[in-house]
Amino acid sequence: MKVGNDMFTVETTALNTFSNVIGLGHAYIRSHTNAREDMQPGQRASRVGRNEIERGRRMQMKAHFSRLASLIPTKERLALPSLLDQSTSYIRQLKQRLEELRKRREKLQGDRAVIEEQRDGLMLPVLAIREVGSALEINLITGVNQNCLLYEIFSVLREEGAEVLTASCSTVGSRTFYSIYSQALYSRIGIETSTISERLQDLVQPVARQFIC
């Protein structure tokens, strides 16, 4: 996954560099042509200053074009028009490559999400049972498609003489969290918490991890 991201970043950087330099090259050619066309005989007084500006701009563009030439996969020494044409063609190839990498990265991310969801599903449901005073607290974590366990837990509680006091649930991602509090329906008779624990453990086996507090 990291390799795909690294390749995507490197080629995106190269594409941006090519685009910027080519844009500067075209702008330089246009401005240089326009400057020569607009030059009038009466403007010779400012010609020295313009020459200095032009010299600085040429040096800057020479550095840009050298950078561009070093990025293109060719060993030939190219004239400026050929350099720009070949760079433009190479940019098209890079864009196609970037699109392929983008699709590949999205697929890898989707595959990883599926794998993680399946892995989490193998660890569910999770059951935790403990006594809180005269009440019995039951915490259950299930997958989104395992809601039937909740109703089976209620059935076990009723059969063992317990009534549900409160029950709450919340969903986070692909997991649903249940918290159930119950107590004996008849306080004089009470409930056998050990029996309830055993039955509930048997209910969620063999895919569950049991935690008895």
C-alpha atoms as a PDB file:
ATOM      1  CA  MET A   1       0.000   0.000   0.000  1.00  0.00           C
ATOM      2  CA  LYS A   2       2.808   2.382   0.864  1.00  0.00           C
ATOM      3  CA  VAL A   3       4.605   1.632  -2.409  1.00  0.00           C
ATOM      4  CA  GLY A   4       1.532   2.589  -4.402  1.00  0.00           C
ATOM      5  CA  ASN A   5       1.201   5.871  -2.495  1.00  0.00           C
ATOM      6  CA  ASP A   6       4.905   6.679  -2.976  1.00  0.00           C
ATOM      7  CA  MET A   7       4.700   6.084  -6.725  1.00  0.00           C
ATOM      8  CA  PHE A   8       1.569   8.206  -6.926  1.00  0.00           C
ATOM      9  CA  THR A   9       3.255  11.087  -5.038  1.00  0.00           C
ATOM     10  CA  VAL A  10       6.459  10.980  -7.116  1.00  0.00           C
ATOM     11  CA  GLU A  11       4.670  10.969 -10.439  1.00  0.00           C
ATOM     12  CA  THR A  12       2.275  13.726  -9.324  1.00  0.00           C
ATOM     13  CA  THR A  13       5.267  15.890  -8.377  1.00  0.00           C
ATOM     14  CA  ALA A  14       6.927  15.239 -11.739  1.00  0.00           C
ATOM     15  CA  LEU A  15       3.716  16.064 -13.584  1.00  0.00           C
ATOM     16  CA  ASN A  16       3.349  19.351 -11.730  1.00  0.00           C
ATOM     17  CA  THR A  17       6.991  20.239 -12.441  1.00  0.00           C
ATOM     18  CA  PHE A  18       6.613  19.512 -16.148  1.00  0.00           C
ATOM     19  CA  SER A  19       3.410  21.529 -16.401  1.00  0.00           C
ATOM     20  CA  ASN A  20       4.920  24.534 -14.635  1.00  0.00           C
ATOM     21  CA  VAL A  21       8.097  24.576 -16.717  1.00  0.00           C
ATOM     22  CA  ILE A  22       6.274  24.089 -19.998  1.00  0.00           C
ATOM     23  CA  GLY A  23       3.902  26.893 -19.080  1.00  0.00           C
ATOM     24  CA  LEU A  24       6.876  29.154 -18.372  1.00  0.00           C
ATOM     25  CA  GLY A  25       8.465  28.121 -21.667  1.00  0.00           C
ATOM     26  CA  HIS A  26       5.410  28.988 -23.721  1.00  0.00           C
ATOM     27  CA  ALA A  27       4.998  32.274 -21.842  1.00  0.00           C
ATOM     28  CA  TYR A  28       8.649  33.104 -22.470  1.00  0.00           C
ATOM     29  CA  ILE A  29       8.362  32.435 -26.196  1.00  0.00           C
ATOM     30  CA  ARG A  30       5.226  34.586 -26.478  1.00  0.00           C
ATOM     31  CA  SER A  31       6.675  37.466 -24.490  1.00  0.00           C
ATOM     32  CA  HIS A  32       9.982  37.320 -26.382  1.00  0.00           C
ATOM     33  CA  THR A  33       8.185  37.403 -29.736  1.00  0.00           C
ATOM     34  CA  ASN A  34       5.861  40.220 -28.682  1.00  0.00           C
ATOM     35  CA  ALA A  35       8.732  42.260 -27.306  1.00  0.00           C
ATOM     36  CA  ARG A  36      10.601  42.109 -30.606  1.00  0.00           C
ATOM     37  CA  GLU A  37       7.470  42.989 -32.598  1.00  0.00           C
ATOM     38  CA  ASP A  38       6.615  45.953 -30.360  1.00  0.00           C
ATOM     39  CA  MET A  39      10.114  47.480 -30.423  1.00  0.00           C
ATOM     40  CA  GLN A  40      10.057  50.909 -32.163  1.00  0.00           C
ATOM     41  CA  PRO A  41      13.064  52.933 -33.394  1.00  0.00           C
ATOM     42  CA  GLY A  42      12.389  55.698 -30.879  1.00  0.00           C
ATOM     43  CA  GLN A  43      12.699  53.304 -27.937  1.00  0.00           C
ATOM     44  CA  ARG A  44      16.453  52.776 -28.193  1.00  0.00           C
ATOM     45  CA  ALA A  45      17.063  54.848 -25.044  1.00  0.00           C
ATOM     46  CA  SER A  46      15.508  52.157 -22.924  1.00  0.00           C
ATOM     47  CA  ARG A  47      17.000  49.316 -24.933  1.00  0.00           C
ATOM     48  CA  VAL A  48      19.950  48.822 -22.551  1.00  0.00           C
ATOM     49  CA  GLY A  49      17.628  48.328 -19.603  1.00  0.00           C
ATOM     50  CA  ARG A  50      15.486  45.964 -21.585  1.00  0.00           C
ATOM     51  CA  ASN A  51      18.522  43.962 -22.597  1.00  0.00           C
ATOM     52  CA  GLU A  52      19.478  43.507 -18.946  1.00  0.00           C
ATOM     53  CA  ILE A  53      15.982  42.334 -18.091  1.00  0.00           C
ATOM     54  CA  GLU A  54      15.984  40.049 -21.107  1.00  0.00           C
ATOM     55  CA  ARG A  55      19.360  38.586 -20.158  1.00  0.00           C
ATOM     56  CA  GLY A  56      18.143  37.792 -16.631  1.00  0.00           C
ATOM     57  CA  ARG A  57      14.986  36.221 -17.967  1.00  0.00           C
ATOM     58  CA  ARG A  58      16.940  34.098 -20.434  1.00  0.00           C
ATOM     59  CA  MET A  59      19.198  32.814 -17.676  1.00  0.00           C
ATOM     60  CA  GLN A  60      16.177  31.940 -15.562  1.00  0.00           C
ATOM     61  CA  MET A  61      14.458  30.153 -18.430  1.00  0.00           C
ATOM     62  CA  LYS A  62      17.678  28.328 -19.309  1.00  0.00           C
ATOM     63  CA  ALA A  63      17.737  26.913 -15.779  1.00  0.00           C
ATOM     64  CA  HIS A  64      14.076  25.881 -16.087  1.00  0.00           C
ATOM     65  CA  PHE A  65      14.638  24.187 -19.434  1.00  0.00           C
ATOM     66  CA  SER A  66      17.699  22.373 -18.106  1.00  0.00           C
ATOM     67  CA  ARG A  67      15.558  21.096 -15.253  1.00  0.00           C
ATOM     68  CA  LEU A  68      12.864  20.035 -17.720  1.00  0.00           C
ATOM     69  CA  ALA A  69      15.354  18.244 -19.953  1.00  0.00           C
ATOM     70  CA  SER A  70      16.721  16.312 -16.970  1.00  0.00           C
ATOM     71  CA  LEU A  71      13.246  14.982 -16.178  1.00  0.00           C
ATOM     72  CA  ILE A  72      12.415  13.688 -19.642  1.00  0.00           C
ATOM     73  CA  PRO A  73      13.463  10.045 -20.259  1.00  0.00           C
ATOM     74  CA  THR A  74      15.693  10.768 -23.265  1.00  0.00           C
ATOM     75  CA  LYS A  75      19.425  11.195 -23.731  1.00  0.00           C
ATOM     76  CA  GLU A  76      19.150  13.275 -26.897  1.00  0.00           C
ATOM     77  CA  ARG A  77      19.890  16.981 -26.852  1.00  0.00           C
ATOM     78  CA  LEU A  78      16.694  18.627 -28.034  1.00  0.00           C
ATOM     79  CA  ALA A  79      15.969  22.058 -29.452  1.00  0.00           C
ATOM     80  CA  LEU A  80      13.510  24.134 -27.463  1.00  0.00           C
ATOM     81  CA  PRO A  81      10.430  23.431 -29.643  1.00  0.00           C
ATOM     82  CA  SER A  82      11.180  19.696 -29.639  1.00  0.00           C
ATOM     83  CA  LEU A  83      11.787  19.778 -25.897  1.00  0.00           C
ATOM     84  CA  LEU A  84       8.394  21.376 -25.266  1.00  0.00           C
ATOM     85  CA  ASP A  85       6.619  18.987 -27.656  1.00  0.00           C
ATOM     86  CA  GLN A  86       8.208  15.910 -26.110  1.00  0.00           C
ATOM     87  CA  SER A  87       7.495  17.188 -22.602  1.00  0.00           C
ATOM     88  CA  THR A  88       3.850  17.731 -23.499  1.00  0.00           C
ATOM     89  CA  SER A  89       3.626  14.178 -24.841  1.00  0.00           C
ATOM     90  CA  TYR A  90       5.298  12.829 -21.722  1.00  0.00           C
ATOM     91  CA  ILE A  91       2.825  14.725 -19.533  1.00  0.00           C
ATOM     92  CA  ARG A  92      -0.035  12.935 -21.298  1.00  0.00           C
ATOM     93  CA  GLN A  93       1.629   9.609 -20.510  1.00  0.00           C
ATOM     94  CA  LEU A  94       2.101  10.643 -16.887  1.00  0.00           C
ATOM     95  CA  LYS A  95      -1.538  11.663 -16.567  1.00  0.00           C
ATOM     96  CA  GLN A  96      -2.607   8.263 -17.852  1.00  0.00           C
ATOM     97  CA  ARG A  97      -0.203   6.577 -15.441  1.00  0.00           C
ATOM     98  CA  LEU A  98      -1.501   8.695 -12.555  1.00  0.00           C
ATOM     99  CA  GLU A  99      -5.076   7.727 -13.365  1.00  0.00           C
ATOM    100  CA  GLU A 100      -4.083   4.047 -13.323  1.00  0.00           C
ATOM    101  CA  LEU A 101      -2.311   4.514  -9.975  1.00  0.00           C
ATOM    102  CA  ARG A 102      -5.307   6.375  -8.561  1.00  0.00           C
ATOM    103  CA  LYS A 103      -7.643   3.532  -9.505  1.00  0.00           C
ATOM    104  CA  ARG A 104      -5.198   0.997  -8.104  1.00  0.00           C
ATOM    105  CA  ARG A 105      -4.929   2.886  -4.825  1.00  0.00           C
ATOM    106  CA  GLU A 106      -8.711   3.145  -4.487  1.00  0.00           C
ATOM    107  CA  LYS A 107      -9.016  -0.590  -5.131  1.00  0.00           C
ATOM    108  CA  LEU A 108      -6.352  -1.376  -2.503  1.00  0.00           C
ATOM    109  CA  GLN A 109      -8.094   0.859   0.011  1.00  0.00           C
ATOM    110  CA  GLY A 110     -11.411  -0.853  -0.716  1.00  0.00           C
ATOM    111  CA  ASP A 111      -9.846  -4.303  -0.389  1.00  0.00           C
ATOM    112  CA  ARG A 112      -8.247  -3.349   2.916  1.00  0.00           C
ATOM    113  CA  ALA A 113     -11.575  -2.074   4.276  1.00  0.00           C
ATOM    114  CA  VAL A 114     -13.246  -5.375   3.332  1.00  0.00           C
ATOM    115  CA  ILE A 115     -10.444  -7.392   4.949  1.00  0.00           C
ATOM    116  CA  GLU A 116     -10.631  -5.364   8.158  1.00  0.00           C
ATOM    117  CA  GLU A 117     -14.401  -5.743   8.288  1.00  0.00           C
ATOM    118  CA  GLN A 118     -14.129  -9.496   7.784  1.00  0.00           C
ATOM    119  CA  ARG A 119     -11.409  -9.725  10.432  1.00  0.00           C
ATOM    120  CA  ASP A 120     -13.534  -7.817  12.924  1.00  0.00           C
ATOM    121  CA  GLY A 121     -16.456 -10.067  12.117  1.00  0.00           C
ATOM    122  CA  LEU A 122     -14.444 -13.144  13.042  1.00  0.00           C
ATOM    123  CA  MET A 123     -13.885 -11.751  16.542  1.00  0.00           C
ATOM    124  CA  LEU A 124     -17.563 -11.007  17.164  1.00  0.00           C
ATOM    125  CA  PRO A 125     -19.742 -11.325  19.127  1.00  0.00           C
ATOM    126  CA  VAL A 126     -18.088 -10.361  22.412  1.00  0.00           C
ATOM    127  CA  LEU A 127     -19.932 -11.052  25.665  1.00  0.00           C
ATOM    128  CA  ALA A 128     -19.205  -9.701  29.145  1.00  0.00           C
ATOM    129  CA  ILE A 129     -21.321 -10.547  32.196  1.00  0.00           C
ATOM    130  CA  ARG A 130     -21.008  -9.294  35.777  1.00  0.00           C
ATOM    131  CA  GLU A 131     -23.084  -8.831  38.901  1.00  0.00           C
ATOM    132  CA  VAL A 132     -23.754  -5.265  40.027  1.00  0.00           C
ATOM    133  CA  GLY A 133     -25.398  -5.496  43.450  1.00  0.00           C
ATOM    134  CA  SER A 134     -28.667  -7.297  42.933  1.00  0.00           C
ATOM    135  CA  ALA A 135     -28.640  -6.636  39.196  1.00  0.00           C
ATOM    136  CA  LEU A 136     -26.948  -8.477  36.365  1.00  0.00           C
ATOM    137  CA  GLU A 137     -25.081  -6.400  33.773  1.00  0.00           C
ATOM    138  CA  ILE A 138     -24.671  -7.875  30.323  1.00  0.00           C
ATOM    139  CA  ASN A 139     -22.547  -6.156  27.662  1.00  0.00           C
ATOM    140  CA  LEU A 140     -22.620  -7.483  24.123  1.00  0.00           C
ATOM    141  CA  ILE A 141     -20.750  -6.412  20.988  1.00  0.00           C
ATOM    142  CA  THR A 142     -22.026  -7.792  17.692  1.00  0.00           C
ATOM    143  CA  GLY A 143     -21.677  -7.211  13.988  1.00  0.00           C
ATOM    144  CA  VAL A 144     -24.419  -5.306  12.205  1.00  0.00           C
ATOM    145  CA  ASN A 145     -25.941  -8.586  10.984  1.00  0.00           C
ATOM    146  CA  GLN A 146     -25.971 -10.361  14.355  1.00  0.00           C
ATOM    147  CA  ASN A 147     -28.894  -8.590  16.026  1.00  0.00           C
ATOM    148  CA  CYS A 148     -30.739 -11.879  16.533  1.00  0.00           C
ATOM    149  CA  LEU A 149     -28.461 -12.581  19.537  1.00  0.00           C
ATOM    150  CA  LEU A 150     -30.092  -9.758  21.461  1.00  0.00           C
ATOM    151  CA  TYR A 151     -33.534 -11.373  21.298  1.00  0.00           C
ATOM    152  CA  GLU A 152     -32.090 -14.745  22.263  1.00  0.00           C
ATOM    153  CA  ILE A 153     -30.452 -13.156  25.317  1.00  0.00           C
ATOM    154  CA  PHE A 154     -33.814 -11.677  26.328  1.00  0.00           C
ATOM    155  CA  SER A 155     -35.380 -15.120  25.993  1.00  0.00           C
ATOM    156  CA  VAL A 156     -32.724 -16.688  28.238  1.00  0.00           C
ATOM    157  CA  LEU A 157     -33.259 -14.004  30.875  1.00  0.00           C
ATOM    158  CA  ARG A 158     -37.018 -14.508  30.884  1.00  0.00           C
ATOM    159  CA  GLU A 159     -36.662 -18.288  31.111  1.00  0.00           C
ATOM    160  CA  GLU A 160     -34.306 -17.903  34.081  1.00  0.00           C
ATOM    161  CA  GLY A 161     -36.734 -15.634  35.969  1.00  0.00           C
ATOM    162  CA  ALA A 162     -35.075 -12.284  35.245  1.00  0.00           C
ATOM    163  CA  GLU A 163     -36.657  -9.123  33.929  1.00  0.00           C
ATOM    164  CA  VAL A 164     -34.867  -6.507  31.814  1.00  0.00           C
ATOM    165  CA  LEU A 165     -34.602  -3.157  33.590  1.00  0.00           C
ATOM    166  CA  THR A 166     -32.800  -1.168  30.879  1.00  0.00           C
ATOM    167  CA  ALA A 167     -31.328  -1.915  27.504  1.00  0.00           C
ATOM    168  CA  SER A 168     -29.368   0.454  25.282  1.00  0.00           C
ATOM    169  CA  CYS A 169     -27.453   0.137  22.054  1.00  0.00           C
ATOM    170  CA  SER A 170     -25.165   2.177  19.838  1.00  0.00           C
ATOM    171  CA  THR A 171     -23.502   1.493  16.503  1.00  0.00           C
ATOM    172  CA  VAL A 172     -19.947   2.467  15.609  1.00  0.00           C
ATOM    173  CA  GLY A 173     -18.822   1.494  12.129  1.00  0.00           C
ATOM    174  CA  SER A 174     -19.616  -2.187  11.629  1.00  0.00           C
ATOM    175  CA  ARG A 175     -20.130  -2.908  15.333  1.00  0.00           C
ATOM    176  CA  THR A 176     -23.183  -2.645  17.559  1.00  0.00           C
ATOM    177  CA  PHE A 177     -22.791  -2.276  21.336  1.00  0.00           C
ATOM    178  CA  TYR A 178     -25.533  -3.452  23.702  1.00  0.00           C
ATOM    179  CA  SER A 179     -25.774  -2.863  27.434  1.00  0.00           C
ATOM    180  CA  ILE A 180     -28.475  -4.756  29.348  1.00  0.00           C
ATOM    181  CA  TYR A 181     -29.363  -4.562  33.037  1.00  0.00           C
ATOM    182  CA  SER A 182     -31.681  -7.145  34.576  1.00  0.00           C
ATOM    183  CA  GLN A 183     -32.735  -8.412  37.981  1.00  0.00           C
ATOM    184  CA  ALA A 184     -34.810 -11.209  39.465  1.00  0.00           C
ATOM    185  CA  LEU A 185     -38.474 -11.021  38.606  1.00  0.00           C
ATOM    186  CA  TYR A 186     -39.261 -12.304  42.109  1.00  0.00           C
ATOM    187  CA  SER A 187     -36.757 -11.061  44.674  1.00  0.00           C
ATOM    188  CA  ARG A 188     -37.550 -13.865  47.147  1.00  0.00           C
ATOM    189  CA  ILE A 189     -36.731 -16.495  44.538  1.00  0.00           C
ATOM    190  CA  GLY A 190     -33.809 -14.660  42.963  1.00  0.00           C
ATOM    191  CA  ILE A 191     -31.913 -15.791  39.883  1.00  0.00           C
ATOM    192  CA  GLU A 192     -29.032 -18.165  39.318  1.00  0.00           C
ATOM    193  CA  THR A 193     -26.461 -15.856  37.748  1.00  0.00           C
ATOM    194  CA  SER A 194     -24.060 -18.744  37.128  1.00  0.00           C
ATOM    195  CA  THR A 195     -26.729 -20.579  35.120  1.00  0.00           C
ATOM    196  CA  ILE A 196     -27.522 -17.454  33.092  1.00  0.00           C
ATOM    197  CA  SER A 197     -23.816 -16.906  32.427  1.00  0.00           C
ATOM    198  CA  GLU A 198     -23.359 -20.476  31.238  1.00  0.00           C
ATOM    199  CA  ARG A 199     -26.372 -20.321  28.945  1.00  0.00           C
ATOM    200  CA  LEU A 200     -25.332 -16.998  27.463  1.00  0.00           C
ATOM    201  CA  GLN A 201     -21.790 -18.246  26.915  1.00  0.00           C
ATOM    202  CA  ASP A 202     -23.159 -21.281  25.104  1.00  0.00           C
ATOM    203  CA  LEU A 203     -25.336 -18.938  23.049  1.00  0.00           C
ATOM    204  CA  VAL A 204     -22.471 -16.949  21.571  1.00  0.00           C
ATOM    205  CA  GLN A 205     -20.005 -19.825  21.150  1.00  0.00           C
ATOM    206  CA  PRO A 206     -18.004 -20.837  19.186  1.00  0.00           C
ATOM    207  CA  VAL A 207     -17.346 -17.497  17.454  1.00  0.00           C
ATOM    208  CA  ALA A 208     -17.375 -15.323  20.566  1.00  0.00           C
ATOM    209  CA  ARG A 209     -14.675 -14.348  22.996  1.00  0.00           C
ATOM    210  CA  GLN A 210     -16.088 -14.605  26.521  1.00  0.00           C
ATOM    211  CA  PHE A 211     -15.134 -12.311  29.385  1.00  0.00           C
ATOM    212  CA  ILE A 212     -16.702 -13.250  32.720  1.00  0.00           C
ATOM    213  CA  CYS A 213     -16.099 -10.710  35.486  1.00  0.00           C
END
